Amino acid sequence: MTQVADASVVASSLLNIDGDQEWADAALAAGAIVVRQLLQVGAANTIRRAVAHRAVPAEIGAAALADLIRLPIRESVPFIAIAERAWELRSTVTMCDAAYIAVAEMYDCRFATLDRRLARATGPRCEIITPPDR
């Protein structure tokens, strides 16, 4: 199975700073990962922020970055390939979120995110999965 995961899922899997690591690990292990361009930058920024806010020590952040670099991503889709569909979604989701959704629609696969609000958005034509409510 192919799937799209956003930076929140990847960062949660690497750091467990939000309590959703087990769900994120399972989501990432469920199939080949396809992402939008710059996913790794977004995840790396989340790691940087966790270190800067002392949520995790710098050594843990460095290890998470190393794991991010080794993350088995099948394909990173350039924005130009999904820009028009992402723009069509602009009235209900941010362009960053729309880019992930457009990739999932392109591959006719599900999209994993920690953003429960995003799962309720109108307009996406892909399955959006989130962790169960706590």
C-alpha atoms as a PDB file:
ATOM      1  CA  MET A   1       0.000   0.000   0.000  1.00  0.00           C
ATOM      2  CA  THR A   2       1.185   3.502  -0.831  1.00  0.00           C
ATOM      3  CA  GLN A   3       0.412   6.351   1.545  1.00  0.00           C
ATOM      4  CA  VAL A   4       1.159   9.999   2.185  1.00  0.00           C
ATOM      5  CA  ALA A   5       2.315  11.159   5.619  1.00  0.00           C
ATOM      6  CA  ASP A   6       2.788  14.741   6.717  1.00  0.00           C
ATOM      7  CA  ALA A   7       5.601  16.231   8.787  1.00  0.00           C
ATOM      8  CA  SER A   8       3.585  15.938  12.006  1.00  0.00           C
ATOM      9  CA  VAL A   9       3.373  12.151  11.635  1.00  0.00           C
ATOM     10  CA  VAL A  10       7.052  11.808  10.756  1.00  0.00           C
ATOM     11  CA  ALA A  11       8.184  14.049  13.635  1.00  0.00           C
ATOM     12  CA  SER A  12       5.910  12.249  16.094  1.00  0.00           C
ATOM     13  CA  SER A  13       7.362   8.915  15.033  1.00  0.00           C
ATOM     14  CA  LEU A  14      10.898  10.217  15.520  1.00  0.00           C
ATOM     15  CA  LEU A  15      10.423  12.112  18.803  1.00  0.00           C
ATOM     16  CA  ASN A  16       7.170  11.203  20.588  1.00  0.00           C
ATOM     17  CA  ILE A  17       6.700  14.772  21.761  1.00  0.00           C
ATOM     18  CA  ASP A  18       2.910  14.639  21.516  1.00  0.00           C
ATOM     19  CA  GLY A  19       1.991  11.158  22.727  1.00  0.00           C
ATOM     20  CA  ASP A  20       1.080   9.819  19.280  1.00  0.00           C
ATOM     21  CA  GLN A  21       4.340   7.984  18.528  1.00  0.00           C
ATOM     22  CA  GLU A  22       2.834   4.493  18.552  1.00  0.00           C
ATOM     23  CA  TRP A  23       0.104   5.536  16.101  1.00  0.00           C
ATOM     24  CA  ALA A  24       2.618   7.407  13.907  1.00  0.00           C
ATOM     25  CA  ASP A  25       4.976   4.411  13.845  1.00  0.00           C
ATOM     26  CA  ALA A  26       2.123   2.131  12.777  1.00  0.00           C
ATOM     27  CA  ALA A  27       0.952   4.596  10.133  1.00  0.00           C
ATOM     28  CA  LEU A  28       4.439   4.885   8.630  1.00  0.00           C
ATOM     29  CA  ALA A  29       4.943   1.114   8.694  1.00  0.00           C
ATOM     30  CA  ALA A  30       1.668   0.460   6.861  1.00  0.00           C
ATOM     31  CA  GLY A  31       3.088   1.012   3.376  1.00  0.00           C
ATOM     32  CA  ALA A  32       5.405   2.831   1.005  1.00  0.00           C
ATOM     33  CA  ILE A  33       5.669   6.523   1.852  1.00  0.00           C
ATOM     34  CA  VAL A  34       5.146   9.222  -0.761  1.00  0.00           C
ATOM     35  CA  VAL A  35       5.495  12.847   0.333  1.00  0.00           C
ATOM     36  CA  ARG A  36       5.292  16.348  -0.967  1.00  0.00           C
ATOM     37  CA  GLN A  37       8.509  18.170  -1.646  1.00  0.00           C
ATOM     38  CA  LEU A  38      10.051  19.683   1.510  1.00  0.00           C
ATOM     39  CA  LEU A  39       8.452  17.229   3.957  1.00  0.00           C
ATOM     40  CA  GLN A  40      11.892  16.577   5.405  1.00  0.00           C
ATOM     41  CA  VAL A  41      12.448  20.300   5.969  1.00  0.00           C
ATOM     42  CA  GLY A  42       9.159  20.560   7.878  1.00  0.00           C
ATOM     43  CA  ALA A  43       9.963  17.528  10.017  1.00  0.00           C
ATOM     44  CA  ALA A  44      13.500  18.795  10.661  1.00  0.00           C
ATOM     45  CA  ASN A  45      12.050  22.130  11.771  1.00  0.00           C
ATOM     46  CA  THR A  46       9.787  20.343  14.257  1.00  0.00           C
ATOM     47  CA  ILE A  47      12.839  18.521  15.625  1.00  0.00           C
ATOM     48  CA  ARG A  48      14.747  21.820  15.857  1.00  0.00           C
ATOM     49  CA  ARG A  49      11.847  23.437  17.695  1.00  0.00           C
ATOM     50  CA  ALA A  50      11.666  20.550  20.188  1.00  0.00           C
ATOM     51  CA  VAL A  51      15.366  20.981  20.955  1.00  0.00           C
ATOM     52  CA  ALA A  52      15.098  24.790  21.126  1.00  0.00           C
ATOM     53  CA  HIS A  53      12.186  24.556  23.590  1.00  0.00           C
ATOM     54  CA  ARG A  54      14.048  21.921  25.587  1.00  0.00           C
ATOM     55  CA  ALA A  55      11.339  19.329  24.991  1.00  0.00           C
ATOM     56  CA  VAL A  56      14.169  16.953  24.069  1.00  0.00           C
ATOM     57  CA  PRO A  57      17.957  17.136  24.548  1.00  0.00           C
ATOM     58  CA  ALA A  58      20.119  18.120  21.569  1.00  0.00           C
ATOM     59  CA  GLU A  59      21.510  14.576  21.358  1.00  0.00           C
ATOM     60  CA  ILE A  60      18.003  13.158  20.924  1.00  0.00           C
ATOM     61  CA  GLY A  61      17.278  15.811  18.301  1.00  0.00           C
ATOM     62  CA  ALA A  62      20.452  14.893  16.403  1.00  0.00           C
ATOM     63  CA  ALA A  63      19.502  11.202  16.491  1.00  0.00           C
ATOM     64  CA  ALA A  64      15.995  12.049  15.239  1.00  0.00           C
ATOM     65  CA  LEU A  65      17.497  14.061  12.376  1.00  0.00           C
ATOM     66  CA  ALA A  66      19.711  11.094  11.451  1.00  0.00           C
ATOM     67  CA  ASP A  67      16.625   8.849  11.452  1.00  0.00           C
ATOM     68  CA  LEU A  68      14.777  11.399   9.309  1.00  0.00           C
ATOM     69  CA  ILE A  69      17.572  11.318   6.745  1.00  0.00           C
ATOM     70  CA  ARG A  70      17.278   7.519   6.585  1.00  0.00           C
ATOM     71  CA  LEU A  71      13.467   7.472   6.385  1.00  0.00           C
ATOM     72  CA  PRO A  72      12.522   5.219   3.449  1.00  0.00           C
ATOM     73  CA  ILE A  73      10.586   7.617   1.243  1.00  0.00           C
ATOM     74  CA  ARG A  74       9.499   6.132  -2.073  1.00  0.00           C
ATOM     75  CA  GLU A  75       9.016   9.459  -3.814  1.00  0.00           C
ATOM     76  CA  SER A  76       9.054  13.176  -3.058  1.00  0.00           C
ATOM     77  CA  VAL A  77       6.581  14.862  -5.402  1.00  0.00           C
ATOM     78  CA  PRO A  78       7.566  18.342  -6.634  1.00  0.00           C
ATOM     79  CA  PHE A  79       5.084  21.139  -6.029  1.00  0.00           C
ATOM     80  CA  ILE A  80       4.704  21.851  -9.725  1.00  0.00           C
ATOM     81  CA  ALA A  81       3.085  18.421 -10.179  1.00  0.00           C
ATOM     82  CA  ILE A  82       0.319  19.126  -7.654  1.00  0.00           C
ATOM     83  CA  ALA A  83       0.105  22.938  -7.627  1.00  0.00           C
ATOM     84  CA  GLU A  84      -3.164  23.257  -9.530  1.00  0.00           C
ATOM     85  CA  ARG A  85      -5.048  20.754  -7.375  1.00  0.00           C
ATOM     86  CA  ALA A  86      -3.586  22.268  -4.217  1.00  0.00           C
ATOM     87  CA  TRP A  87      -4.827  25.674  -5.361  1.00  0.00           C
ATOM     88  CA  GLU A  88      -8.327  24.256  -5.902  1.00  0.00           C
ATOM     89  CA  LEU A  89      -8.378  23.294  -2.199  1.00  0.00           C
ATOM     90  CA  ARG A  90      -7.328  26.770  -0.991  1.00  0.00           C
ATOM     91  CA  SER A  91     -10.721  27.747   0.446  1.00  0.00           C
ATOM     92  CA  THR A  92     -10.842  24.898   2.972  1.00  0.00           C
ATOM     93  CA  VAL A  93      -7.217  24.029   3.822  1.00  0.00           C
ATOM     94  CA  THR A  94      -3.808  25.709   3.871  1.00  0.00           C
ATOM     95  CA  MET A  95      -1.565  25.341   0.838  1.00  0.00           C
ATOM     96  CA  CYS A  96       0.835  23.181   2.866  1.00  0.00           C
ATOM     97  CA  ASP A  97      -1.973  20.789   3.781  1.00  0.00           C
ATOM     98  CA  ALA A  98      -3.428  20.985   0.272  1.00  0.00           C
ATOM     99  CA  ALA A  99      -0.092  19.856  -1.149  1.00  0.00           C
ATOM    100  CA  TYR A 100      -0.183  16.684   0.959  1.00  0.00           C
ATOM    101  CA  ILE A 101      -3.808  16.060  -0.015  1.00  0.00           C
ATOM    102  CA  ALA A 102      -3.048  16.588  -3.703  1.00  0.00           C
ATOM    103  CA  VAL A 103      -0.232  14.030  -3.529  1.00  0.00           C
ATOM    104  CA  ALA A 104      -2.557  11.510  -1.857  1.00  0.00           C
ATOM    105  CA  GLU A 105      -5.162  12.135  -4.541  1.00  0.00           C
ATOM    106  CA  MET A 106      -2.527  11.758  -7.266  1.00  0.00           C
ATOM    107  CA  TYR A 107      -1.570   8.333  -5.896  1.00  0.00           C
ATOM    108  CA  ASP A 108      -5.154   7.417  -4.965  1.00  0.00           C
ATOM    109  CA  CYS A 109      -4.017   6.614  -1.457  1.00  0.00           C
ATOM    110  CA  ARG A 110      -4.645   7.657   2.119  1.00  0.00           C
ATOM    111  CA  PHE A 111      -3.108  10.631   3.909  1.00  0.00           C
ATOM    112  CA  ALA A 112      -1.894  10.285   7.511  1.00  0.00           C
ATOM    113  CA  THR A 113      -1.804  13.387   9.713  1.00  0.00           C
ATOM    114  CA  LEU A 114      -2.064  14.290  13.386  1.00  0.00           C
ATOM    115  CA  ASP A 115      -4.341  17.208  12.445  1.00  0.00           C
ATOM    116  CA  ARG A 116      -7.820  15.985  13.370  1.00  0.00           C
ATOM    117  CA  ARG A 117      -9.358  19.237  12.095  1.00  0.00           C
ATOM    118  CA  LEU A 118      -7.931  18.530   8.653  1.00  0.00           C
ATOM    119  CA  ALA A 119      -9.730  15.180   8.540  1.00  0.00           C
ATOM    120  CA  ARG A 120     -13.040  17.089   8.721  1.00  0.00           C
ATOM    121  CA  ALA A 121     -12.216  19.494   5.868  1.00  0.00           C
ATOM    122  CA  THR A 122     -14.452  19.583   2.830  1.00  0.00           C
ATOM    123  CA  GLY A 123     -12.943  19.193  -0.623  1.00  0.00           C
ATOM    124  CA  PRO A 124     -10.318  16.444  -0.253  1.00  0.00           C
ATOM    125  CA  ARG A 125     -10.969  13.334  -2.356  1.00  0.00           C
ATOM    126  CA  CYS A 126      -8.677  11.047  -0.386  1.00  0.00           C
ATOM    127  CA  GLU A 127      -9.018   9.173   2.866  1.00  0.00           C
ATOM    128  CA  ILE A 128      -7.491  11.164   5.731  1.00  0.00           C
ATOM    129  CA  ILE A 129      -6.500   9.157   8.791  1.00  0.00           C
ATOM    130  CA  THR A 130      -5.673  10.540  12.224  1.00  0.00           C
ATOM    131  CA  PRO A 131      -4.951   9.041  15.633  1.00  0.00           C
ATOM    132  CA  PRO A 132      -8.009   8.066  17.656  1.00  0.00           C
ATOM    133  CA  ASP A 133      -9.382  10.726  19.980  1.00  0.00           C
ATOM    134  CA  ARG A 134      -7.984  10.545  23.490  1.00  0.00           C
END
